[in-house]
Amino acid sequence: MAMHTDREFENELAKLREKILLMGAKVETMVATSVRAFNEQNNDLAHRTIEFDHDINRLEVEIDGFCLSILARRQPVASDLRFITTSLKLVTDLERIGDLAVNISERVLDLSSDPPRRSWPDILKMAETVQSMVRDALDAFVAGDSAKAQWVIERDRSVDANYSQVFHEVLLLMMDDRSAVQRGMGVQSIAKYLERIGDHATNLAEMVVFLTNGTDIRHPESQAIEGTETH
């Protein structure tokens, strides 16, 4: 392969990286604005977050097409192939995080007719954690930093703990006040969406570990079973 072709390929990979980071930044903004809309009972912000999803969907299609074009034209191997195929999976998780931010915003609109709500500090903690998880997973992707990716994975436990706390508090609220059942279900849904965003951020981080180390750390129990099978 000629040198100029190598440079062109490197430029394409750099462009792909930039597109993924742009999509990641937009998704991160959507999560932040959806939670802010919930915290401030701000319907306008919820509507703007929902409308923002069109950009995410467009970027997903654009990045998928770009990856497939590179695969067809360059026929990459080894680490380059791993980078491109991992990118295809990354954008799927990013798009789903955007969808969950839309779901949060829709619940904010559903709750808008309720009286002013109590504060939910555990939801705000969840939101801060999952936003940092998404950001750090993308930073780890760019830097090829598997240690940072592992730290993202470890933080998912605190998100799950916060979700359990919210679930318990919502249950007590609904038992104490029957008129709060619909409100409680809306709040619980928002917490569940944030918990799922944490799961997707964990997926991103696991893919970074695979990209940097070539080690697939997903579903270790399945791999253990597979490793014990006799052929």
C-alpha atoms as a PDB file:
ATOM      1  CA  MET A   1       0.000   0.000   0.000  1.00  0.00           C
ATOM      2  CA  ALA A   2       1.373   3.436  -0.940  1.00  0.00           C
ATOM      3  CA  MET A   3       2.232   5.940   1.767  1.00  0.00           C
ATOM      4  CA  HIS A   4      -0.449   8.438   0.702  1.00  0.00           C
ATOM      5  CA  THR A   5      -3.050   5.677   0.989  1.00  0.00           C
ATOM      6  CA  ASP A   6      -1.858   4.933   4.526  1.00  0.00           C
ATOM      7  CA  ARG A   7      -2.278   8.599   5.396  1.00  0.00           C
ATOM      8  CA  GLU A   8      -5.748   8.648   3.873  1.00  0.00           C
ATOM      9  CA  PHE A   9      -6.721   5.602   5.928  1.00  0.00           C
ATOM     10  CA  GLU A  10      -5.349   7.185   9.110  1.00  0.00           C
ATOM     11  CA  ASN A  11      -7.357  10.333   8.334  1.00  0.00           C
ATOM     12  CA  GLU A  12     -10.495   8.249   7.906  1.00  0.00           C
ATOM     13  CA  LEU A  13      -9.934   6.545  11.257  1.00  0.00           C
ATOM     14  CA  ALA A  14      -9.358   9.942  12.899  1.00  0.00           C
ATOM     15  CA  LYS A  15     -12.571  11.231  11.316  1.00  0.00           C
ATOM     16  CA  LEU A  16     -14.455   8.198  12.611  1.00  0.00           C
ATOM     17  CA  ARG A  17     -13.117   8.834  16.114  1.00  0.00           C
ATOM     18  CA  GLU A  18     -14.236  12.475  15.914  1.00  0.00           C
ATOM     19  CA  LYS A  19     -17.741  11.499  14.789  1.00  0.00           C
ATOM     20  CA  ILE A  20     -18.107   9.087  17.710  1.00  0.00           C
ATOM     21  CA  LEU A  21     -16.919  11.747  20.167  1.00  0.00           C
ATOM     22  CA  LEU A  22     -19.379  14.251  18.715  1.00  0.00           C
ATOM     23  CA  MET A  23     -22.221  11.760  19.098  1.00  0.00           C
ATOM     24  CA  GLY A  24     -21.068  10.971  22.637  1.00  0.00           C
ATOM     25  CA  ALA A  25     -20.976  14.661  23.612  1.00  0.00           C
ATOM     26  CA  LYS A  26     -24.496  15.188  22.260  1.00  0.00           C
ATOM     27  CA  VAL A  27     -25.802  12.141  24.123  1.00  0.00           C
ATOM     28  CA  GLU A  28     -24.157  13.331  27.329  1.00  0.00           C
ATOM     29  CA  THR A  29     -25.872  16.709  26.903  1.00  0.00           C
ATOM     30  CA  MET A  30     -29.223  14.986  26.413  1.00  0.00           C
ATOM     31  CA  VAL A  31     -28.849  13.053  29.669  1.00  0.00           C
ATOM     32  CA  ALA A  32     -27.873  16.228  31.532  1.00  0.00           C
ATOM     33  CA  THR A  33     -30.758  18.287  30.146  1.00  0.00           C
ATOM     34  CA  SER A  34     -33.338  15.546  30.719  1.00  0.00           C
ATOM     35  CA  VAL A  35     -32.369  15.282  34.390  1.00  0.00           C
ATOM     36  CA  ARG A  36     -32.283  19.059  34.728  1.00  0.00           C
ATOM     37  CA  ALA A  37     -35.783  19.169  33.235  1.00  0.00           C
ATOM     38  CA  PHE A  38     -36.896  16.674  35.904  1.00  0.00           C
ATOM     39  CA  ASN A  39     -35.196  18.531  38.744  1.00  0.00           C
ATOM     40  CA  GLU A  40     -36.553  21.928  37.684  1.00  0.00           C
ATOM     41  CA  GLN A  41     -39.925  20.671  36.374  1.00  0.00           C
ATOM     42  CA  ASN A  42     -39.008  22.397  33.118  1.00  0.00           C
ATOM     43  CA  ASN A  43     -41.240  21.267  30.253  1.00  0.00           C
ATOM     44  CA  ASP A  44     -39.513  23.440  27.651  1.00  0.00           C
ATOM     45  CA  LEU A  45     -36.191  21.757  28.419  1.00  0.00           C
ATOM     46  CA  ALA A  46     -37.843  18.326  28.228  1.00  0.00           C
ATOM     47  CA  HIS A  47     -39.277  19.169  24.787  1.00  0.00           C
ATOM     48  CA  ARG A  48     -35.874  20.422  23.554  1.00  0.00           C
ATOM     49  CA  THR A  49     -34.220  17.213  24.742  1.00  0.00           C
ATOM     50  CA  ILE A  50     -36.745  15.097  22.856  1.00  0.00           C
ATOM     51  CA  GLU A  51     -36.206  17.114  19.663  1.00  0.00           C
ATOM     52  CA  PHE A  52     -32.435  16.680  20.016  1.00  0.00           C
ATOM     53  CA  ASP A  53     -32.843  12.952  19.415  1.00  0.00           C
ATOM     54  CA  HIS A  54     -33.079  13.537  15.652  1.00  0.00           C
ATOM     55  CA  ASP A  55     -29.400  14.574  15.654  1.00  0.00           C
ATOM     56  CA  ILE A  56     -28.427  11.375  17.465  1.00  0.00           C
ATOM     57  CA  ASN A  57     -30.326   9.166  15.032  1.00  0.00           C
ATOM     58  CA  ARG A  58     -28.763  10.971  12.068  1.00  0.00           C
ATOM     59  CA  LEU A  59     -25.269  10.529  13.506  1.00  0.00           C
ATOM     60  CA  GLU A  60     -25.869   6.827  14.141  1.00  0.00           C
ATOM     61  CA  VAL A  61     -26.824   6.265  10.496  1.00  0.00           C
ATOM     62  CA  GLU A  62     -23.922   8.419   9.297  1.00  0.00           C
ATOM     63  CA  ILE A  63     -21.327   6.624  11.422  1.00  0.00           C
ATOM     64  CA  ASP A  64     -22.670   3.170  10.507  1.00  0.00           C
ATOM     65  CA  GLY A  65     -22.418   4.050   6.827  1.00  0.00           C
ATOM     66  CA  PHE A  66     -18.913   5.439   7.254  1.00  0.00           C
ATOM     67  CA  CYS A  67     -17.732   2.287   9.067  1.00  0.00           C
ATOM     68  CA  LEU A  68     -19.187  -0.001   6.412  1.00  0.00           C
ATOM     69  CA  SER A  69     -17.597   2.103   3.676  1.00  0.00           C
ATOM     70  CA  ILE A  70     -14.165   1.826   5.327  1.00  0.00           C
ATOM     71  CA  LEU A  71     -14.577  -1.927   5.778  1.00  0.00           C
ATOM     72  CA  ALA A  72     -15.496  -2.388   2.120  1.00  0.00           C
ATOM     73  CA  ARG A  73     -12.796  -0.148   0.673  1.00  0.00           C
ATOM     74  CA  ARG A  74      -9.868  -0.751   3.042  1.00  0.00           C
ATOM     75  CA  GLN A  75     -10.421  -4.337   4.185  1.00  0.00           C
ATOM     76  CA  PRO A  76      -8.610  -3.595   7.470  1.00  0.00           C
ATOM     77  CA  VAL A  77      -7.046  -6.273   9.641  1.00  0.00           C
ATOM     78  CA  ALA A  78      -5.935  -6.711  13.272  1.00  0.00           C
ATOM     79  CA  SER A  79      -6.311  -3.629  15.511  1.00  0.00           C
ATOM     80  CA  ASP A  80      -7.793  -1.452  12.760  1.00  0.00           C
ATOM     81  CA  LEU A  81     -10.504  -4.014  12.088  1.00  0.00           C
ATOM     82  CA  ARG A  82     -11.198  -4.283  15.818  1.00  0.00           C
ATOM     83  CA  PHE A  83     -11.462  -0.488  16.077  1.00  0.00           C
ATOM     84  CA  ILE A  84     -14.004  -0.211  13.269  1.00  0.00           C
ATOM     85  CA  THR A  85     -16.173  -3.142  14.351  1.00  0.00           C
ATOM     86  CA  THR A  86     -16.104  -1.865  17.944  1.00  0.00           C
ATOM     87  CA  SER A  87     -17.160   1.568  16.692  1.00  0.00           C
ATOM     88  CA  LEU A  88     -20.240   0.023  15.100  1.00  0.00           C
ATOM     89  CA  LYS A  89     -21.229  -1.384  18.488  1.00  0.00           C
ATOM     90  CA  LEU A  90     -20.381   1.808  20.383  1.00  0.00           C
ATOM     91  CA  VAL A  91     -22.795   3.927  18.361  1.00  0.00           C
ATOM     92  CA  THR A  92     -25.614   1.474  19.053  1.00  0.00           C
ATOM     93  CA  ASP A  93     -25.178   1.934  22.804  1.00  0.00           C
ATOM     94  CA  LEU A  94     -24.841   5.703  22.406  1.00  0.00           C
ATOM     95  CA  GLU A  95     -28.075   5.840  20.404  1.00  0.00           C
ATOM     96  CA  ARG A  96     -29.868   3.861  23.105  1.00  0.00           C
ATOM     97  CA  ILE A  97     -28.592   6.254  25.783  1.00  0.00           C
ATOM     98  CA  GLY A  98     -30.114   9.065  23.726  1.00  0.00           C
ATOM     99  CA  ASP A  99     -33.406   7.155  23.606  1.00  0.00           C
ATOM    100  CA  LEU A 100     -33.352   6.796  27.403  1.00  0.00           C
ATOM    101  CA  ALA A 101     -32.803  10.547  27.802  1.00  0.00           C
ATOM    102  CA  VAL A 102     -35.908  10.992  25.634  1.00  0.00           C
ATOM    103  CA  ASN A 103     -37.790   8.540  27.890  1.00  0.00           C
ATOM    104  CA  ILE A 104     -36.797  10.584  30.954  1.00  0.00           C
ATOM    105  CA  SER A 105     -38.024  13.767  29.257  1.00  0.00           C
ATOM    106  CA  GLU A 106     -41.339  12.112  28.376  1.00  0.00           C
ATOM    107  CA  ARG A 107     -41.850  11.139  32.021  1.00  0.00           C
ATOM    108  CA  VAL A 108     -41.062  14.743  33.014  1.00  0.00           C
ATOM    109  CA  LEU A 109     -43.917  15.878  30.770  1.00  0.00           C
ATOM    110  CA  ASP A 110     -46.209  13.203  32.244  1.00  0.00           C
ATOM    111  CA  LEU A 111     -45.426  14.507  35.742  1.00  0.00           C
ATOM    112  CA  SER A 112     -45.871  18.171  34.839  1.00  0.00           C
ATOM    113  CA  SER A 113     -49.486  18.342  36.065  1.00  0.00           C
ATOM    114  CA  ASP A 114     -48.470  17.186  39.557  1.00  0.00           C
ATOM    115  CA  PRO A 115     -47.914  19.621  42.405  1.00  0.00           C
ATOM    116  CA  PRO A 116     -44.289  20.652  43.165  1.00  0.00           C
ATOM    117  CA  ARG A 117     -42.347  17.510  43.962  1.00  0.00           C
ATOM    118  CA  ARG A 118     -40.056  16.560  46.792  1.00  0.00           C
ATOM    119  CA  SER A 119     -36.379  16.331  45.945  1.00  0.00           C
ATOM    120  CA  TRP A 120     -34.824  12.989  45.014  1.00  0.00           C
ATOM    121  CA  PRO A 121     -31.118  13.210  45.898  1.00  0.00           C
ATOM    122  CA  ASP A 122     -30.438   9.620  44.862  1.00  0.00           C
ATOM    123  CA  ILE A 123     -31.744  10.330  41.369  1.00  0.00           C
ATOM    124  CA  LEU A 124     -29.398  13.317  41.122  1.00  0.00           C
ATOM    125  CA  LYS A 125     -26.515  11.107  42.315  1.00  0.00           C
ATOM    126  CA  MET A 126     -27.407   8.508  39.701  1.00  0.00           C
ATOM    127  CA  ALA A 127     -27.507  11.184  37.009  1.00  0.00           C
ATOM    128  CA  GLU A 128     -24.097  12.582  37.969  1.00  0.00           C
ATOM    129  CA  THR A 129     -22.571   9.107  38.047  1.00  0.00           C
ATOM    130  CA  VAL A 130     -23.961   7.864  34.738  1.00  0.00           C
ATOM    131  CA  GLN A 131     -22.966  11.092  32.964  1.00  0.00           C
ATOM    132  CA  SER A 132     -19.404  10.722  34.236  1.00  0.00           C
ATOM    133  CA  MET A 133     -19.437   7.044  33.240  1.00  0.00           C
ATOM    134  CA  VAL A 134     -20.403   7.880  29.649  1.00  0.00           C
ATOM    135  CA  ARG A 135     -17.805  10.668  29.487  1.00  0.00           C
ATOM    136  CA  ASP A 136     -15.031   8.517  30.971  1.00  0.00           C
ATOM    137  CA  ALA A 137     -15.872   5.555  28.733  1.00  0.00           C
ATOM    138  CA  LEU A 138     -15.495   7.783  25.676  1.00  0.00           C
ATOM    139  CA  ASP A 139     -12.277   9.302  27.040  1.00  0.00           C
ATOM    140  CA  ALA A 140     -10.968   5.758  27.594  1.00  0.00           C
ATOM    141  CA  PHE A 141     -11.965   4.883  24.028  1.00  0.00           C
ATOM    142  CA  VAL A 142      -9.983   7.787  22.602  1.00  0.00           C
ATOM    143  CA  ALA A 143      -6.946   7.228  24.825  1.00  0.00           C
ATOM    144  CA  GLY A 144      -7.022   3.421  24.613  1.00  0.00           C
ATOM    145  CA  ASP A 145      -7.061   3.414  28.428  1.00  0.00           C
ATOM    146  CA  SER A 146      -8.340   0.057  29.696  1.00  0.00           C
ATOM    147  CA  ALA A 147      -7.734   1.034  33.356  1.00  0.00           C
ATOM    148  CA  LYS A 148     -10.097   3.994  33.000  1.00  0.00           C
ATOM    149  CA  ALA A 149     -12.613   1.732  31.295  1.00  0.00           C
ATOM    150  CA  GLN A 150     -12.430  -0.689  34.229  1.00  0.00           C
ATOM    151  CA  TRP A 151     -13.141   2.198  36.619  1.00  0.00           C
ATOM    152  CA  VAL A 152     -16.306   2.954  34.624  1.00  0.00           C
ATOM    153  CA  ILE A 153     -17.423  -0.665  35.007  1.00  0.00           C
ATOM    154  CA  GLU A 154     -16.817  -0.610  38.766  1.00  0.00           C
ATOM    155  CA  ARG A 155     -18.968   2.525  39.216  1.00  0.00           C
ATOM    156  CA  ASP A 156     -22.044   0.740  37.915  1.00  0.00           C
ATOM    157  CA  ARG A 157     -22.460  -0.835  41.357  1.00  0.00           C
ATOM    158  CA  SER A 158     -23.093   2.567  42.950  1.00  0.00           C
ATOM    159  CA  VAL A 159     -25.718   3.339  40.286  1.00  0.00           C
ATOM    160  CA  ASP A 160     -27.491   0.072  41.100  1.00  0.00           C
ATOM    161  CA  ALA A 161     -27.357   0.903  44.830  1.00  0.00           C
ATOM    162  CA  ASN A 162     -28.868   4.351  44.224  1.00  0.00           C
ATOM    163  CA  TYR A 163     -31.612   2.792  42.107  1.00  0.00           C
ATOM    164  CA  SER A 164     -32.488   0.347  44.892  1.00  0.00           C
ATOM    165  CA  GLN A 165     -32.728   3.258  47.325  1.00  0.00           C
ATOM    166  CA  VAL A 166     -35.037   5.234  45.017  1.00  0.00           C
ATOM    167  CA  PHE A 167     -37.205   2.161  44.444  1.00  0.00           C
ATOM    168  CA  HIS A 168     -37.553   1.715  48.228  1.00  0.00           C
ATOM    169  CA  GLU A 169     -38.414   5.394  48.782  1.00  0.00           C
ATOM    170  CA  VAL A 170     -40.970   5.407  45.975  1.00  0.00           C
ATOM    171  CA  LEU A 171     -42.614   2.294  47.411  1.00  0.00           C
ATOM    172  CA  LEU A 172     -42.925   3.938  50.830  1.00  0.00           C
ATOM    173  CA  LEU A 173     -44.351   7.087  49.239  1.00  0.00           C
ATOM    174  CA  MET A 174     -47.041   5.141  47.352  1.00  0.00           C
ATOM    175  CA  MET A 175     -47.947   3.076  50.429  1.00  0.00           C
ATOM    176  CA  ASP A 176     -48.289   6.239  52.502  1.00  0.00           C
ATOM    177  CA  ASP A 177     -50.257   8.263  49.947  1.00  0.00           C
ATOM    178  CA  ARG A 178     -52.447   6.532  47.384  1.00  0.00           C
ATOM    179  CA  SER A 179     -52.824   9.742  45.402  1.00  0.00           C
ATOM    180  CA  ALA A 180     -49.065   9.604  44.782  1.00  0.00           C
ATOM    181  CA  VAL A 181     -49.100   6.252  42.959  1.00  0.00           C
ATOM    182  CA  GLN A 182     -48.938   7.692  39.445  1.00  0.00           C
ATOM    183  CA  ARG A 183     -46.279  10.209  40.482  1.00  0.00           C
ATOM    184  CA  GLY A 184     -44.287   7.477  42.186  1.00  0.00           C
ATOM    185  CA  MET A 185     -44.383   5.271  39.103  1.00  0.00           C
ATOM    186  CA  GLY A 186     -43.114   8.160  36.985  1.00  0.00           C
ATOM    187  CA  VAL A 187     -40.225   8.830  39.354  1.00  0.00           C
ATOM    188  CA  GLN A 188     -39.364   5.130  39.528  1.00  0.00           C
ATOM    189  CA  SER A 189     -39.328   4.985  35.715  1.00  0.00           C
ATOM    190  CA  ILE A 190     -36.864   7.881  35.561  1.00  0.00           C
ATOM    191  CA  ALA A 191     -34.586   6.102  38.038  1.00  0.00           C
ATOM    192  CA  LYS A 192     -34.828   2.912  35.973  1.00  0.00           C
ATOM    193  CA  TYR A 193     -33.891   4.783  32.777  1.00  0.00           C
ATOM    194  CA  LEU A 194     -30.823   6.204  34.530  1.00  0.00           C
ATOM    195  CA  GLU A 195     -29.889   2.720  35.755  1.00  0.00           C
ATOM    196  CA  ARG A 196     -30.089   1.482  32.157  1.00  0.00           C
ATOM    197  CA  ILE A 197     -27.904   4.373  30.978  1.00  0.00           C
ATOM    198  CA  GLY A 198     -25.334   3.094  33.492  1.00  0.00           C
ATOM    199  CA  ASP A 199     -25.632  -0.353  31.903  1.00  0.00           C
ATOM    200  CA  HIS A 200     -24.987   1.089  28.444  1.00  0.00           C
ATOM    201  CA  ALA A 201     -22.011   3.081  29.737  1.00  0.00           C
ATOM    202  CA  THR A 202     -20.701  -0.196  31.152  1.00  0.00           C
ATOM    203  CA  ASN A 203     -21.143  -1.777  27.711  1.00  0.00           C
ATOM    204  CA  LEU A 204     -19.092   1.065  26.211  1.00  0.00           C
ATOM    205  CA  ALA A 205     -16.332   0.498  28.766  1.00  0.00           C
ATOM    206  CA  GLU A 206     -16.298  -3.272  28.164  1.00  0.00           C
ATOM    207  CA  MET A 207     -15.858  -2.627  24.457  1.00  0.00           C
ATOM    208  CA  VAL A 208     -12.930  -0.310  25.208  1.00  0.00           C
ATOM    209  CA  VAL A 209     -11.260  -3.115  27.187  1.00  0.00           C
ATOM    210  CA  PHE A 210     -11.769  -5.407  24.192  1.00  0.00           C
ATOM    211  CA  LEU A 211     -10.419  -2.761  21.830  1.00  0.00           C
ATOM    212  CA  THR A 212      -7.271  -2.103  23.868  1.00  0.00           C
ATOM    213  CA  ASN A 213      -6.520  -5.586  25.221  1.00  0.00           C
ATOM    214  CA  GLY A 214      -8.324  -7.855  22.783  1.00  0.00           C
ATOM    215  CA  THR A 215     -10.073  -9.379  25.812  1.00  0.00           C
ATOM    216  CA  ASP A 216     -13.850  -9.845  25.831  1.00  0.00           C
ATOM    217  CA  ILE A 217     -14.926  -9.400  29.467  1.00  0.00           C
ATOM    218  CA  ARG A 218     -18.670  -9.554  28.823  1.00  0.00           C
ATOM    219  CA  HIS A 219     -20.665 -12.406  30.368  1.00  0.00           C
ATOM    220  CA  PRO A 220     -17.724 -14.124  32.099  1.00  0.00           C
ATOM    221  CA  GLU A 221     -20.028 -16.849  33.409  1.00  0.00           C
ATOM    222  CA  SER A 222     -20.887 -17.833  29.825  1.00  0.00           C
ATOM    223  CA  GLN A 223     -17.212 -17.967  28.914  1.00  0.00           C
ATOM    224  CA  ALA A 224     -16.475 -20.137  31.949  1.00  0.00           C
ATOM    225  CA  ILE A 225     -19.173 -22.611  30.894  1.00  0.00           C
ATOM    226  CA  GLU A 226     -17.911 -22.586  27.326  1.00  0.00           C
ATOM    227  CA  GLY A 227     -14.361 -23.208  28.527  1.00  0.00           C
ATOM    228  CA  THR A 228     -15.427 -26.350  30.406  1.00  0.00           C
ATOM    229  CA  GLU A 229     -17.219 -27.931  27.487  1.00  0.00           C
ATOM    230  CA  THR A 230     -15.639 -31.001  25.976  1.00  0.00           C
ATOM    231  CA  HIS A 231     -15.485 -31.402  22.234  1.00  0.00           C
END
